């Protein structure tokens, strides 16, 4: 069986994994009021939802923005890991998933460039 992953599929998978992680962490495992949960989830998930629309449509700029957005989540994960002992494991998972998103988006862009060069 030949299993092939597309760059778009990997990027969507990484976006989904990061979104599910943030949903669990900020929406379920964090102790806060209902209003705080809603605010944190909207602020955390809005960039992922917006970028995913462009990735689903296979727009090149969507993959570029995935790279930029992943760096923001990476920075947040670093900050949480270094400043909060109780949430450092959650931050470490966010770091891993943001690096996974960055790598998947970069691989998708490289594959697109290769396809364009082969057509020429």
PDB file of N, CA and C in Angstrom:
ATOM      1  N   UNK A   1       0.849  -1.178   0.000  1.00  0.00           N
ATOM      2  CA  UNK A   1       0.000   0.000   0.000  1.00  0.00           C
ATOM      3  C   UNK A   1       0.888   1.233   0.000  1.00  0.00           C
ATOM      4  N   UNK A   2       0.629   2.117  -0.925  1.00  0.00           N
ATOM      5  CA  UNK A   2       1.399   3.348  -1.050  1.00  0.00           C
ATOM      6  C   UNK A   2       0.615   4.487  -0.397  1.00  0.00           C
ATOM      7  N   UNK A   3       1.155   4.995   0.690  1.00  0.00           N
ATOM      8  CA  UNK A   3       0.482   6.054   1.438  1.00  0.00           C
ATOM      9  C   UNK A   3       1.186   7.371   1.151  1.00  0.00           C
ATOM     10  N   UNK A   4       0.469   8.318   0.552  1.00  0.00           N
ATOM     11  CA  UNK A   4       1.039   9.626   0.238  1.00  0.00           C
ATOM     12  C   UNK A   4       0.257  10.713   0.955  1.00  0.00           C
ATOM     13  N   UNK A   5       0.989  11.631   1.519  1.00  0.00           N
ATOM     14  CA  UNK A   5       0.374  12.766   2.180  1.00  0.00           C
ATOM     15  C   UNK A   5       0.632  14.007   1.339  1.00  0.00           C
ATOM     16  N   UNK A   6      -0.384  14.807   1.158  1.00  0.00           N
ATOM     17  CA  UNK A   6      -0.186  16.074   0.464  1.00  0.00           C
ATOM     18  C   UNK A   6       0.201  17.135   1.486  1.00  0.00           C
ATOM     19  N   UNK A   7       0.877  18.161   1.037  1.00  0.00           N
ATOM     20  CA  UNK A   7       1.242  19.259   1.928  1.00  0.00           C
ATOM     21  C   UNK A   7       0.008  19.932   2.493  1.00  0.00           C
ATOM     22  N   UNK A   8      -1.020  20.021   1.681  1.00  0.00           N
ATOM     23  CA  UNK A   8      -2.276  20.620   2.138  1.00  0.00           C
ATOM     24  C   UNK A   8      -2.898  19.771   3.233  1.00  0.00           C
ATOM     25  N   UNK A   9      -2.898  18.461   3.068  1.00  0.00           N
ATOM     26  CA  UNK A   9      -3.463  17.570   4.075  1.00  0.00           C
ATOM     27  C   UNK A   9      -2.696  17.625   5.382  1.00  0.00           C
ATOM     28  N   UNK A  10      -1.377  17.656   5.284  1.00  0.00           N
ATOM     29  CA  UNK A  10      -0.565  17.758   6.500  1.00  0.00           C
ATOM     30  C   UNK A  10      -0.790  19.083   7.213  1.00  0.00           C
ATOM     31  N   UNK A  11      -0.901  20.150   6.438  1.00  0.00           N
ATOM     32  CA  UNK A  11      -1.133  21.462   7.040  1.00  0.00           C
ATOM     33  C   UNK A  11      -2.501  21.514   7.714  1.00  0.00           C
ATOM     34  N   UNK A  12      -3.513  20.964   7.064  1.00  0.00           N
ATOM     35  CA  UNK A  12      -4.844  20.937   7.680  1.00  0.00           C
ATOM     36  C   UNK A  12      -4.848  20.072   8.933  1.00  0.00           C
ATOM     37  N   UNK A  13      -4.111  18.974   8.904  1.00  0.00           N
ATOM     38  CA  UNK A  13      -4.011  18.131  10.091  1.00  0.00           C
ATOM     39  C   UNK A  13      -3.337  18.842  11.246  1.00  0.00           C
ATOM     40  N   UNK A  14      -2.260  19.579  10.939  1.00  0.00           N
ATOM     41  CA  UNK A  14      -1.561  20.333  11.982  1.00  0.00           C
ATOM     42  C   UNK A  14      -2.435  21.466  12.516  1.00  0.00           C
ATOM     43  N   UNK A  15      -3.175  22.126  11.626  1.00  0.00           N
ATOM     44  CA  UNK A  15      -4.102  23.173  12.071  1.00  0.00           C
ATOM     45  C   UNK A  15      -5.169  22.581  12.989  1.00  0.00           C
ATOM     46  N   UNK A  16      -5.704  21.443  12.596  1.00  0.00           N
ATOM     47  CA  UNK A  16      -6.725  20.792  13.409  1.00  0.00           C
ATOM     48  C   UNK A  16      -6.193  20.339  14.759  1.00  0.00           C
ATOM     49  N   UNK A  17      -4.989  19.776  14.764  1.00  0.00           N
ATOM     50  CA  UNK A  17      -4.403  19.315  16.029  1.00  0.00           C
ATOM     51  C   UNK A  17      -4.163  20.481  16.974  1.00  0.00           C
ATOM     52  N   UNK A  18      -3.636  21.579  16.438  1.00  0.00           N
ATOM     53  CA  UNK A  18      -3.393  22.757  17.275  1.00  0.00           C
ATOM     54  C   UNK A  18      -4.716  23.341  17.772  1.00  0.00           C
ATOM     55  N   UNK A  19      -5.721  23.375  16.916  1.00  0.00           N
ATOM     56  CA  UNK A  19      -7.032  23.880  17.324  1.00  0.00           C
ATOM     57  C   UNK A  19      -7.675  23.032  18.405  1.00  0.00           C
ATOM     58  N   UNK A  20      -7.598  21.712  18.253  1.00  0.00           N
ATOM     59  CA  UNK A  20      -8.168  20.823  19.270  1.00  0.00           C
ATOM     60  C   UNK A  20      -7.415  20.975  20.584  1.00  0.00           C
ATOM     61  N   UNK A  21      -6.087  21.081  20.508  1.00  0.00           N
ATOM     62  CA  UNK A  21      -5.300  21.247  21.734  1.00  0.00           C
ATOM     63  C   UNK A  21      -5.690  22.533  22.463  1.00  0.00           C
ATOM     64  N   UNK A  22      -5.795  23.644  21.725  1.00  0.00           N
ATOM     65  CA  UNK A  22      -6.169  24.909  22.362  1.00  0.00           C
ATOM     66  C   UNK A  22      -7.588  24.851  22.914  1.00  0.00           C
ATOM     67  N   UNK A  23      -8.474  24.163  22.196  1.00  0.00           N
ATOM     68  CA  UNK A  23      -9.847  24.008  22.679  1.00  0.00           C
ATOM     69  C   UNK A  23      -9.880  23.239  23.996  1.00  0.00           C
ATOM     70  N   UNK A  24      -9.117  22.165  24.079  1.00  0.00           N
ATOM     71  CA  UNK A  24      -9.072  21.394  25.324  1.00  0.00           C
ATOM     72  C   UNK A  24      -8.411  22.187  26.448  1.00  0.00           C
ATOM     73  N   UNK A  25      -7.275  22.790  26.133  1.00  0.00           N
ATOM     74  CA  UNK A  25      -6.501  23.478  27.162  1.00  0.00           C
ATOM     75  C   UNK A  25      -7.236  24.703  27.690  1.00  0.00           C
ATOM     76  N   UNK A  26      -7.620  25.596  26.781  1.00  0.00           N
ATOM     77  CA  UNK A  26      -8.221  26.857  27.212  1.00  0.00           C
ATOM     78  C   UNK A  26      -9.712  26.738  27.512  1.00  0.00           C
ATOM     79  N   UNK A  27     -10.367  25.769  26.905  1.00  0.00           N
ATOM     80  CA  UNK A  27     -11.805  25.645  27.101  1.00  0.00           C
ATOM     81  C   UNK A  27     -12.212  24.654  28.173  1.00  0.00           C
ATOM     82  N   UNK A  28     -11.350  23.703  28.478  1.00  0.00           N
ATOM     83  CA  UNK A  28     -11.753  22.649  29.393  1.00  0.00           C
ATOM     84  C   UNK A  28     -10.870  22.580  30.630  1.00  0.00           C
ATOM     85  N   UNK A  29      -9.552  22.546  30.448  1.00  0.00           N
ATOM     86  CA  UNK A  29      -8.649  22.291  31.569  1.00  0.00           C
ATOM     87  C   UNK A  29      -8.252  23.530  32.358  1.00  0.00           C
ATOM     88  N   UNK A  30      -8.489  24.703  31.842  1.00  0.00           N
ATOM     89  CA  UNK A  30      -8.128  25.932  32.544  1.00  0.00           C
ATOM     90  C   UNK A  30      -9.270  26.334  33.477  1.00  0.00           C
ATOM     91  N   UNK A  31      -8.930  26.711  34.686  1.00  0.00           N
ATOM     92  CA  UNK A  31      -9.929  27.149  35.659  1.00  0.00           C
ATOM     93  C   UNK A  31     -10.181  28.640  35.459  1.00  0.00           C
ATOM     94  N   UNK A  32     -11.370  28.962  34.980  1.00  0.00           N
ATOM     95  CA  UNK A  32     -11.735  30.349  34.731  1.00  0.00           C
ATOM     96  C   UNK A  32     -13.259  30.445  34.659  1.00  0.00           C
ATOM     97  N   UNK A  33     -13.737  31.665  34.580  1.00  0.00           N
ATOM     98  CA  UNK A  33     -15.174  31.873  34.428  1.00  0.00           C
ATOM     99  C   UNK A  33     -15.579  31.570  32.984  1.00  0.00           C
ATOM    100  N   UNK A  34     -16.868  31.429  32.769  1.00  0.00           N
ATOM    101  CA  UNK A  34     -17.365  31.117  31.422  1.00  0.00           C
ATOM    102  C   UNK A  34     -17.005  32.216  30.430  1.00  0.00           C
ATOM    103  N   UNK A  35     -17.092  33.456  30.858  1.00  0.00           N
ATOM    104  CA  UNK A  35     -16.745  34.574  29.981  1.00  0.00           C
ATOM    105  C   UNK A  35     -15.279  34.570  29.588  1.00  0.00           C
ATOM    106  N   UNK A  36     -14.424  34.236  30.536  1.00  0.00           N
ATOM    107  CA  UNK A  36     -13.000  34.158  30.227  1.00  0.00           C
ATOM    108  C   UNK A  36     -12.707  33.019  29.259  1.00  0.00           C
ATOM    109  N   UNK A  37     -13.377  31.870  29.452  1.00  0.00           N
ATOM    110  CA  UNK A  37     -13.195  30.756  28.524  1.00  0.00           C
ATOM    111  C   UNK A  37     -13.564  31.161  27.098  1.00  0.00           C
ATOM    112  N   UNK A  38     -14.687  31.822  26.955  1.00  0.00           N
ATOM    113  CA  UNK A  38     -15.153  32.231  25.630  1.00  0.00           C
ATOM    114  C   UNK A  38     -14.167  33.210  25.002  1.00  0.00           C
ATOM    115  N   UNK A  39     -13.742  34.203  25.751  1.00  0.00           N
ATOM    116  CA  UNK A  39     -12.807  35.188  25.233  1.00  0.00           C
ATOM    117  C   UNK A  39     -11.493  34.542  24.812  1.00  0.00           C
ATOM    118  N   UNK A  40     -10.941  33.685  25.664  1.00  0.00           N
ATOM    119  CA  UNK A  40      -9.675  33.021  25.340  1.00  0.00           C
ATOM    120  C   UNK A  40      -9.805  32.143  24.104  1.00  0.00           C
ATOM    121  N   UNK A  41     -10.927  31.422  24.000  1.00  0.00           N
ATOM    122  CA  UNK A  41     -11.109  30.551  22.841  1.00  0.00           C
ATOM    123  C   UNK A  41     -11.263  31.340  21.547  1.00  0.00           C
ATOM    124  N   UNK A  42     -11.993  32.428  21.604  1.00  0.00           N
ATOM    125  CA  UNK A  42     -12.160  33.250  20.403  1.00  0.00           C
ATOM    126  C   UNK A  42     -10.810  33.821  19.970  1.00  0.00           C
ATOM    127  N   UNK A  43     -10.062  34.361  20.916  1.00  0.00           N
ATOM    128  CA  UNK A  43      -8.766  34.936  20.571  1.00  0.00           C
ATOM    129  C   UNK A  43      -7.766  33.880  20.106  1.00  0.00           C
ATOM    130  N   UNK A  44      -7.837  32.699  20.665  1.00  0.00           N
ATOM    131  CA  UNK A  44      -6.872  31.659  20.304  1.00  0.00           C
ATOM    132  C   UNK A  44      -7.234  30.952  19.007  1.00  0.00           C
ATOM    133  N   UNK A  45      -8.524  30.743  18.755  1.00  0.00           N
ATOM    134  CA  UNK A  45      -8.931  29.947  17.606  1.00  0.00           C
ATOM    135  C   UNK A  45      -9.242  30.763  16.355  1.00  0.00           C
ATOM    136  N   UNK A  46      -9.509  32.044  16.487  1.00  0.00           N
ATOM    137  CA  UNK A  46      -9.860  32.862  15.319  1.00  0.00           C
ATOM    138  C   UNK A  46      -8.777  32.857  14.245  1.00  0.00           C
ATOM    139  N   UNK A  47      -7.489  33.051  14.589  1.00  0.00           N
ATOM    140  CA  UNK A  47      -6.472  33.010  13.523  1.00  0.00           C
ATOM    141  C   UNK A  47      -6.404  31.656  12.823  1.00  0.00           C
ATOM    142  N   UNK A  48      -6.582  30.568  13.567  1.00  0.00           N
ATOM    143  CA  UNK A  48      -6.536  29.247  12.950  1.00  0.00           C
ATOM    144  C   UNK A  48      -7.712  29.034  11.996  1.00  0.00           C
ATOM    145  N   UNK A  49      -8.878  29.494  12.386  1.00  0.00           N
ATOM    146  CA  UNK A  49     -10.065  29.333  11.538  1.00  0.00           C
ATOM    147  C   UNK A  49      -9.920  30.159  10.264  1.00  0.00           C
ATOM    148  N   UNK A  50      -9.461  31.387  10.396  1.00  0.00           N
ATOM    149  CA  UNK A  50      -9.303  32.253   9.227  1.00  0.00           C
ATOM    150  C   UNK A  50      -8.298  31.670   8.250  1.00  0.00           C
ATOM    151  N   UNK A  51      -7.164  31.229   8.748  1.00  0.00           N
ATOM    152  CA  UNK A  51      -6.119  30.678   7.881  1.00  0.00           C
ATOM    153  C   UNK A  51      -6.578  29.370   7.246  1.00  0.00           C
ATOM    154  N   UNK A  52      -7.344  28.587   7.981  1.00  0.00           N
ATOM    155  CA  UNK A  52      -7.768  27.291   7.439  1.00  0.00           C
ATOM    156  C   UNK A  52      -8.681  27.443   6.224  1.00  0.00           C
ATOM    157  N   UNK A  53      -9.464  28.516   6.138  1.00  0.00           N
ATOM    158  CA  UNK A  53     -10.286  28.740   4.953  1.00  0.00           C
ATOM    159  C   UNK A  53      -9.423  28.843   3.696  1.00  0.00           C
ATOM    160  N   UNK A  54      -8.284  29.524   3.795  1.00  0.00           N
ATOM    161  CA  UNK A  54      -7.407  29.683   2.645  1.00  0.00           C
ATOM    162  C   UNK A  54      -6.649  28.400   2.332  1.00  0.00           C
ATOM    163  N   UNK A  55      -6.313  27.632   3.354  1.00  0.00           N
ATOM    164  CA  UNK A  55      -5.620  26.369   3.130  1.00  0.00           C
ATOM    165  C   UNK A  55      -6.569  25.360   2.480  1.00  0.00           C
ATOM    166  N   UNK A  56      -7.819  25.334   2.898  1.00  0.00           N
ATOM    167  CA  UNK A  56      -8.804  24.433   2.288  1.00  0.00           C
ATOM    168  C   UNK A  56      -8.965  24.753   0.812  1.00  0.00           C
ATOM    169  N   UNK A  57      -8.948  26.026   0.466  1.00  0.00           N
ATOM    170  CA  UNK A  57      -9.063  26.440  -0.944  1.00  0.00           C
ATOM    171  C   UNK A  57      -7.753  26.294  -1.704  1.00  0.00           C
ATOM    172  N   UNK A  58      -6.698  25.872  -1.027  1.00  0.00           N
ATOM    173  CA  UNK A  58      -5.378  25.651  -1.627  1.00  0.00           C
ATOM    174  C   UNK A  58      -4.781  26.934  -2.207  1.00  0.00           C
ATOM    175  N   UNK A  59      -4.947  28.028  -1.472  1.00  0.00           N
ATOM    176  CA  UNK A  59      -4.380  29.306  -1.866  1.00  0.00           C
ATOM    177  C   UNK A  59      -2.961  29.402  -1.296  1.00  0.00           C
ATOM    178  N   UNK A  60      -2.010  29.805  -2.133  1.00  0.00           N
ATOM    179  CA  UNK A  60      -0.612  29.847  -1.717  1.00  0.00           C
ATOM    180  C   UNK A  60      -0.407  30.743  -0.491  1.00  0.00           C
ATOM    181  N   UNK A  61      -1.045  31.881  -0.467  1.00  0.00           N
ATOM    182  CA  UNK A  61      -0.852  32.802   0.661  1.00  0.00           C
ATOM    183  C   UNK A  61      -1.367  32.216   1.977  1.00  0.00           C
ATOM    184  N   UNK A  62      -2.307  31.285   1.911  1.00  0.00           N
ATOM    185  CA  UNK A  62      -2.797  30.632   3.126  1.00  0.00           C
ATOM    186  C   UNK A  62      -1.701  29.844   3.818  1.00  0.00           C
ATOM    187  N   UNK A  63      -0.845  29.189   3.031  1.00  0.00           N
ATOM    188  CA  UNK A  63       0.258  28.435   3.606  1.00  0.00           C
ATOM    189  C   UNK A  63       1.316  29.375   4.187  1.00  0.00           C
ATOM    190  N   UNK A  64       1.525  30.497   3.524  1.00  0.00           N
ATOM    191  CA  UNK A  64       2.469  31.492   4.041  1.00  0.00           C
ATOM    192  C   UNK A  64       1.972  32.035   5.379  1.00  0.00           C
ATOM    193  N   UNK A  65       0.688  32.362   5.443  1.00  0.00           N
ATOM    194  CA  UNK A  65       0.123  32.873   6.688  1.00  0.00           C
ATOM    195  C   UNK A  65       0.118  31.825   7.788  1.00  0.00           C
ATOM    196  N   UNK A  66       0.009  30.552   7.423  1.00  0.00           N
ATOM    197  CA  UNK A  66       0.126  29.479   8.423  1.00  0.00           C
ATOM    198  C   UNK A  66       1.488  29.541   9.098  1.00  0.00           C
ATOM    199  N   UNK A  67       2.530  29.794   8.304  1.00  0.00           N
ATOM    200  CA  UNK A  67       3.858  29.924   8.887  1.00  0.00           C
ATOM    201  C   UNK A  67       3.944  31.086   9.850  1.00  0.00           C
ATOM    202  N   UNK A  68       3.376  32.223   9.460  1.00  0.00           N
ATOM    203  CA  UNK A  68       3.409  33.390  10.340  1.00  0.00           C
ATOM    204  C   UNK A  68       2.599  33.156  11.618  1.00  0.00           C
ATOM    205  N   UNK A  69       1.418  32.593  11.467  1.00  0.00           N
ATOM    206  CA  UNK A  69       0.548  32.340  12.614  1.00  0.00           C
ATOM    207  C   UNK A  69       1.195  31.336  13.566  1.00  0.00           C
ATOM    208  N   UNK A  70       1.845  30.317  13.003  1.00  0.00           N
ATOM    209  CA  UNK A  70       2.475  29.300  13.853  1.00  0.00           C
ATOM    210  C   UNK A  70       3.575  29.910  14.713  1.00  0.00           C
ATOM    211  N   UNK A  71       4.252  30.918  14.216  1.00  0.00           N
ATOM    212  CA  UNK A  71       5.282  31.569  15.027  1.00  0.00           C
ATOM    213  C   UNK A  71       4.676  32.299  16.224  1.00  0.00           C
ATOM    214  N   UNK A  72       3.481  32.828  16.072  1.00  0.00           N
ATOM    215  CA  UNK A  72       2.792  33.452  17.204  1.00  0.00           C
ATOM    216  C   UNK A  72       2.431  32.440  18.277  1.00  0.00           C
ATOM    217  N   UNK A  73       1.936  31.278  17.852  1.00  0.00           N
ATOM    218  CA  UNK A  73       1.618  30.222  18.815  1.00  0.00           C
ATOM    219  C   UNK A  73       2.892  29.662  19.453  1.00  0.00           C
ATOM    220  N   UNK A  74       3.965  29.612  18.682  1.00  0.00           N
ATOM    221  CA  UNK A  74       5.252  29.182  19.231  1.00  0.00           C
ATOM    222  C   UNK A  74       5.699  30.132  20.341  1.00  0.00           C
ATOM    223  N   UNK A  75       5.586  31.433  20.077  1.00  0.00           N
ATOM    224  CA  UNK A  75       5.975  32.429  21.083  1.00  0.00           C
ATOM    225  C   UNK A  75       5.104  32.324  22.327  1.00  0.00           C
ATOM    226  N   UNK A  76       3.812  32.096  22.142  1.00  0.00           N
ATOM    227  CA  UNK A  76       2.930  31.934  23.303  1.00  0.00           C
ATOM    228  C   UNK A  76       3.322  30.695  24.100  1.00  0.00           C
ATOM    229  N   UNK A  77       3.627  29.597  23.411  1.00  0.00           N
ATOM    230  CA  UNK A  77       4.031  28.378  24.097  1.00  0.00           C
ATOM    231  C   UNK A  77       5.320  28.563  24.881  1.00  0.00           C
ATOM    232  N   UNK A  78       6.275  29.269  24.306  1.00  0.00           N
ATOM    233  CA  UNK A  78       7.531  29.560  25.008  1.00  0.00           C
ATOM    234  C   UNK A  78       7.251  30.388  26.253  1.00  0.00           C
ATOM    235  N   UNK A  79       6.420  31.413  26.110  1.00  0.00           N
ATOM    236  CA  UNK A  79       6.094  32.273  27.243  1.00  0.00           C
ATOM    237  C   UNK A  79       5.426  31.494  28.364  1.00  0.00           C
ATOM    238  N   UNK A  80       4.455  30.659  28.017  1.00  0.00           N
ATOM    239  CA  UNK A  80       3.756  29.864  29.035  1.00  0.00           C
ATOM    240  C   UNK A  80       4.717  28.885  29.700  1.00  0.00           C
ATOM    241  N   UNK A  81       5.558  28.249  28.916  1.00  0.00           N
ATOM    242  CA  UNK A  81       6.497  27.265  29.460  1.00  0.00           C
ATOM    243  C   UNK A  81       7.487  27.910  30.428  1.00  0.00           C
ATOM    244  N   UNK A  82       7.950  29.095  30.104  1.00  0.00           N
ATOM    245  CA  UNK A  82       8.953  29.745  30.946  1.00  0.00           C
ATOM    246  C   UNK A  82       8.374  30.477  32.149  1.00  0.00           C
ATOM    247  N   UNK A  83       7.104  30.849  32.101  1.00  0.00           N
ATOM    248  CA  UNK A  83       6.554  31.673  33.184  1.00  0.00           C
ATOM    249  C   UNK A  83       5.589  30.955  34.117  1.00  0.00           C
ATOM    250  N   UNK A  84       5.068  29.808  33.723  1.00  0.00           N
ATOM    251  CA  UNK A  84       4.069  29.135  34.542  1.00  0.00           C
ATOM    252  C   UNK A  84       4.474  27.685  34.785  1.00  0.00           C
ATOM    253  N   UNK A  85       4.738  27.378  36.031  1.00  0.00           N
ATOM    254  CA  UNK A  85       5.104  25.998  36.354  1.00  0.00           C
ATOM    255  C   UNK A  85       3.920  25.050  36.185  1.00  0.00           C
ATOM    256  N   UNK A  86       2.732  25.503  36.506  1.00  0.00           N
ATOM    257  CA  UNK A  86       1.568  24.620  36.435  1.00  0.00           C
ATOM    258  C   UNK A  86       1.132  24.345  34.991  1.00  0.00           C
ATOM    259  N   UNK A  87       1.381  25.267  34.077  1.00  0.00           N
ATOM    260  CA  UNK A  87       0.963  25.101  32.683  1.00  0.00           C
ATOM    261  C   UNK A  87       2.125  24.824  31.736  1.00  0.00           C
ATOM    262  N   UNK A  88       3.308  24.539  32.260  1.00  0.00           N
ATOM    263  CA  UNK A  88       4.466  24.375  31.384  1.00  0.00           C
ATOM    264  C   UNK A  88       4.321  23.185  30.440  1.00  0.00           C
ATOM    265  N   UNK A  89       3.686  22.112  30.883  1.00  0.00           N
ATOM    266  CA  UNK A  89       3.483  20.961  29.988  1.00  0.00           C
ATOM    267  C   UNK A  89       2.521  21.323  28.857  1.00  0.00           C
ATOM    268  N   UNK A  90       1.491  22.106  29.158  1.00  0.00           N
ATOM    269  CA  UNK A  90       0.566  22.546  28.118  1.00  0.00           C
ATOM    270  C   UNK A  90       1.297  23.418  27.094  1.00  0.00           C
ATOM    271  N   UNK A  91       2.147  24.288  27.580  1.00  0.00           N
ATOM    272  CA  UNK A  91       2.930  25.135  26.681  1.00  0.00           C
ATOM    273  C   UNK A  91       3.876  24.338  25.822  1.00  0.00           C
ATOM    274  N   UNK A  92       4.452  23.274  26.371  1.00  0.00           N
ATOM    275  CA  UNK A  92       5.364  22.437  25.597  1.00  0.00           C
ATOM    276  C   UNK A  92       4.630  21.743  24.444  1.00  0.00           C
ATOM    277  N   UNK A  93       3.416  21.307  24.690  1.00  0.00           N
ATOM    278  CA  UNK A  93       2.625  20.693  23.618  1.00  0.00           C
ATOM    279  C   UNK A  93       2.296  21.737  22.555  1.00  0.00           C
ATOM    280  N   UNK A  94       1.986  22.956  22.978  1.00  0.00           N
ATOM    281  CA  UNK A  94       1.702  24.028  22.019  1.00  0.00           C
ATOM    282  C   UNK A  94       2.936  24.345  21.182  1.00  0.00           C
ATOM    283  N   UNK A  95       4.105  24.319  21.786  1.00  0.00           N
ATOM    284  CA  UNK A  95       5.351  24.538  21.040  1.00  0.00           C
ATOM    285  C   UNK A  95       5.511  23.462  19.971  1.00  0.00           C
ATOM    286  N   UNK A  96       5.326  22.205  20.370  1.00  0.00           N
ATOM    287  CA  UNK A  96       5.462  21.106  19.413  1.00  0.00           C
ATOM    288  C   UNK A  96       4.474  21.237  18.259  1.00  0.00           C
ATOM    289  N   UNK A  97       3.217  21.518  18.565  1.00  0.00           N
ATOM    290  CA  UNK A  97       2.198  21.601  17.515  1.00  0.00           C
ATOM    291  C   UNK A  97       2.411  22.818  16.612  1.00  0.00           C
ATOM    292  N   UNK A  98       2.890  23.916  17.161  1.00  0.00           N
ATOM    293  CA  UNK A  98       3.161  25.083  16.320  1.00  0.00           C
ATOM    294  C   UNK A  98       4.345  24.816  15.391  1.00  0.00           C
ATOM    295  N   UNK A  99       5.359  24.107  15.874  1.00  0.00           N
ATOM    296  CA  UNK A  99       6.470  23.729  14.997  1.00  0.00           C
ATOM    297  C   UNK A  99       6.015  22.740  13.927  1.00  0.00           C
ATOM    298  N   UNK A 100       5.102  21.851  14.284  1.00  0.00           N
ATOM    299  CA  UNK A 100       4.535  20.923  13.313  1.00  0.00           C
ATOM    300  C   UNK A 100       3.776  21.682  12.223  1.00  0.00           C
ATOM    301  N   UNK A 101       3.009  22.683  12.614  1.00  0.00           N
ATOM    302  CA  UNK A 101       2.282  23.503  11.647  1.00  0.00           C
ATOM    303  C   UNK A 101       3.243  24.248  10.740  1.00  0.00           C
ATOM    304  N   UNK A 102       4.287  24.827  11.314  1.00  0.00           N
ATOM    305  CA  UNK A 102       5.272  25.564  10.514  1.00  0.00           C
ATOM    306  C   UNK A 102       5.940  24.637   9.503  1.00  0.00           C
ATOM    307  N   UNK A 103       6.315  23.447   9.950  1.00  0.00           N
ATOM    308  CA  UNK A 103       6.978  22.491   9.072  1.00  0.00           C
ATOM    309  C   UNK A 103       6.045  22.019   7.963  1.00  0.00           C
ATOM    310  N   UNK A 104       4.794  21.752   8.295  1.00  0.00           N
ATOM    311  CA  UNK A 104       3.828  21.294   7.284  1.00  0.00           C
ATOM    312  C   UNK A 104       3.557  22.378   6.246  1.00  0.00           C
ATOM    313  N   UNK A 105       3.401  23.612   6.693  1.00  0.00           N
ATOM    314  CA  UNK A 105       3.158  24.707   5.751  1.00  0.00           C
ATOM    315  C   UNK A 105       4.377  24.940   4.861  1.00  0.00           C
ATOM    316  N   UNK A 106       5.566  24.836   5.424  1.00  0.00           N
ATOM    317  CA  UNK A 106       6.788  24.990   4.631  1.00  0.00           C
ATOM    318  C   UNK A 106       6.912  23.873   3.603  1.00  0.00           C
ATOM    319  N   UNK A 107       6.593  22.655   4.010  1.00  0.00           N
ATOM    320  CA  UNK A 107       6.654  21.529   3.075  1.00  0.00           C
ATOM    321  C   UNK A 107       5.641  21.703   1.943  1.00  0.00           C
ATOM    322  N   UNK A 108       4.470  22.214   2.266  1.00  0.00           N
ATOM    323  CA  UNK A 108       3.455  22.449   1.233  1.00  0.00           C
ATOM    324  C   UNK A 108       3.925  23.499   0.240  1.00  0.00           C
ATOM    325  N   UNK A 109       4.560  24.546   0.733  1.00  0.00           N
ATOM    326  CA  UNK A 109       5.063  25.586  -0.170  1.00  0.00           C
ATOM    327  C   UNK A 109       6.196  25.061  -1.041  1.00  0.00           C
ATOM    328  N   UNK A 110       7.073  24.233  -0.481  1.00  0.00           N
ATOM    329  CA  UNK A 110       8.159  23.651  -1.286  1.00  0.00           C
ATOM    330  C   UNK A 110       7.599  22.726  -2.356  1.00  0.00           C
ATOM    331  N   UNK A 111       6.591  21.943  -2.018  1.00  0.00           N
ATOM    332  CA  UNK A 111       5.976  21.049  -2.999  1.00  0.00           C
ATOM    333  C   UNK A 111       5.308  21.842  -4.117  1.00  0.00           C
ATOM    334  N   UNK A 112       4.671  22.944  -3.765  1.00  0.00           N
ATOM    335  CA  UNK A 112       4.049  23.796  -4.794  1.00  0.00           C
ATOM    336  C   UNK A 112       5.104  24.369  -5.717  1.00  0.00           C
ATOM    337  N   UNK A 113       6.239  24.799  -5.159  1.00  0.00           N
ATOM    338  CA  UNK A 113       7.315  25.365  -5.975  1.00  0.00           C
ATOM    339  C   UNK A 113       7.871  24.300  -6.926  1.00  0.00           C
ATOM    340  N   UNK A 114       8.026  23.076  -6.430  1.00  0.00           N
ATOM    341  CA  UNK A 114       8.521  21.974  -7.255  1.00  0.00           C
ATOM    342  C   UNK A 114       7.556  21.688  -8.408  1.00  0.00           C
ATOM    343  N   UNK A 115       6.257  21.711  -8.130  1.00  0.00           N
ATOM    344  CA  UNK A 115       5.265  21.456  -9.169  1.00  0.00           C
ATOM    345  C   UNK A 115       5.306  22.525 -10.252  1.00  0.00           C
ATOM    346  N   UNK A 116       5.496  23.776  -9.841  1.00  0.00           N
ATOM    347  CA  UNK A 116       5.577  24.868 -10.808  1.00  0.00           C
ATOM    348  C   UNK A 116       6.830  24.729 -11.655  1.00  0.00           C
ATOM    349  N   UNK A 117       7.940  24.357 -11.044  1.00  0.00           N
ATOM    350  CA  UNK A 117       9.185  24.192 -11.797  1.00  0.00           C
ATOM    351  C   UNK A 117       9.113  23.022 -12.762  1.00  0.00           C
ATOM    352  N   UNK A 118       8.414  21.953 -12.376  1.00  0.00           N
ATOM    353  CA  UNK A 118       8.279  20.805 -13.271  1.00  0.00           C
ATOM    354  C   UNK A 118       7.401  21.127 -14.472  1.00  0.00           C
ATOM    355  N   UNK A 119       6.423  21.986 -14.309  1.00  0.00           N
ATOM    356  CA  UNK A 119       5.558  22.384 -15.409  1.00  0.00           C
ATOM    357  C   UNK A 119       6.273  23.260 -16.412  1.00  0.00           C
ATOM    358  N   UNK A 120       7.269  23.994 -15.940  1.00  0.00           N
ATOM    359  CA  UNK A 120       7.988  24.938 -16.830  1.00  0.00           C
ATOM    360  C   UNK A 120       8.951  24.246 -17.742  1.00  0.00           C
TER     361      UNK A 120
END
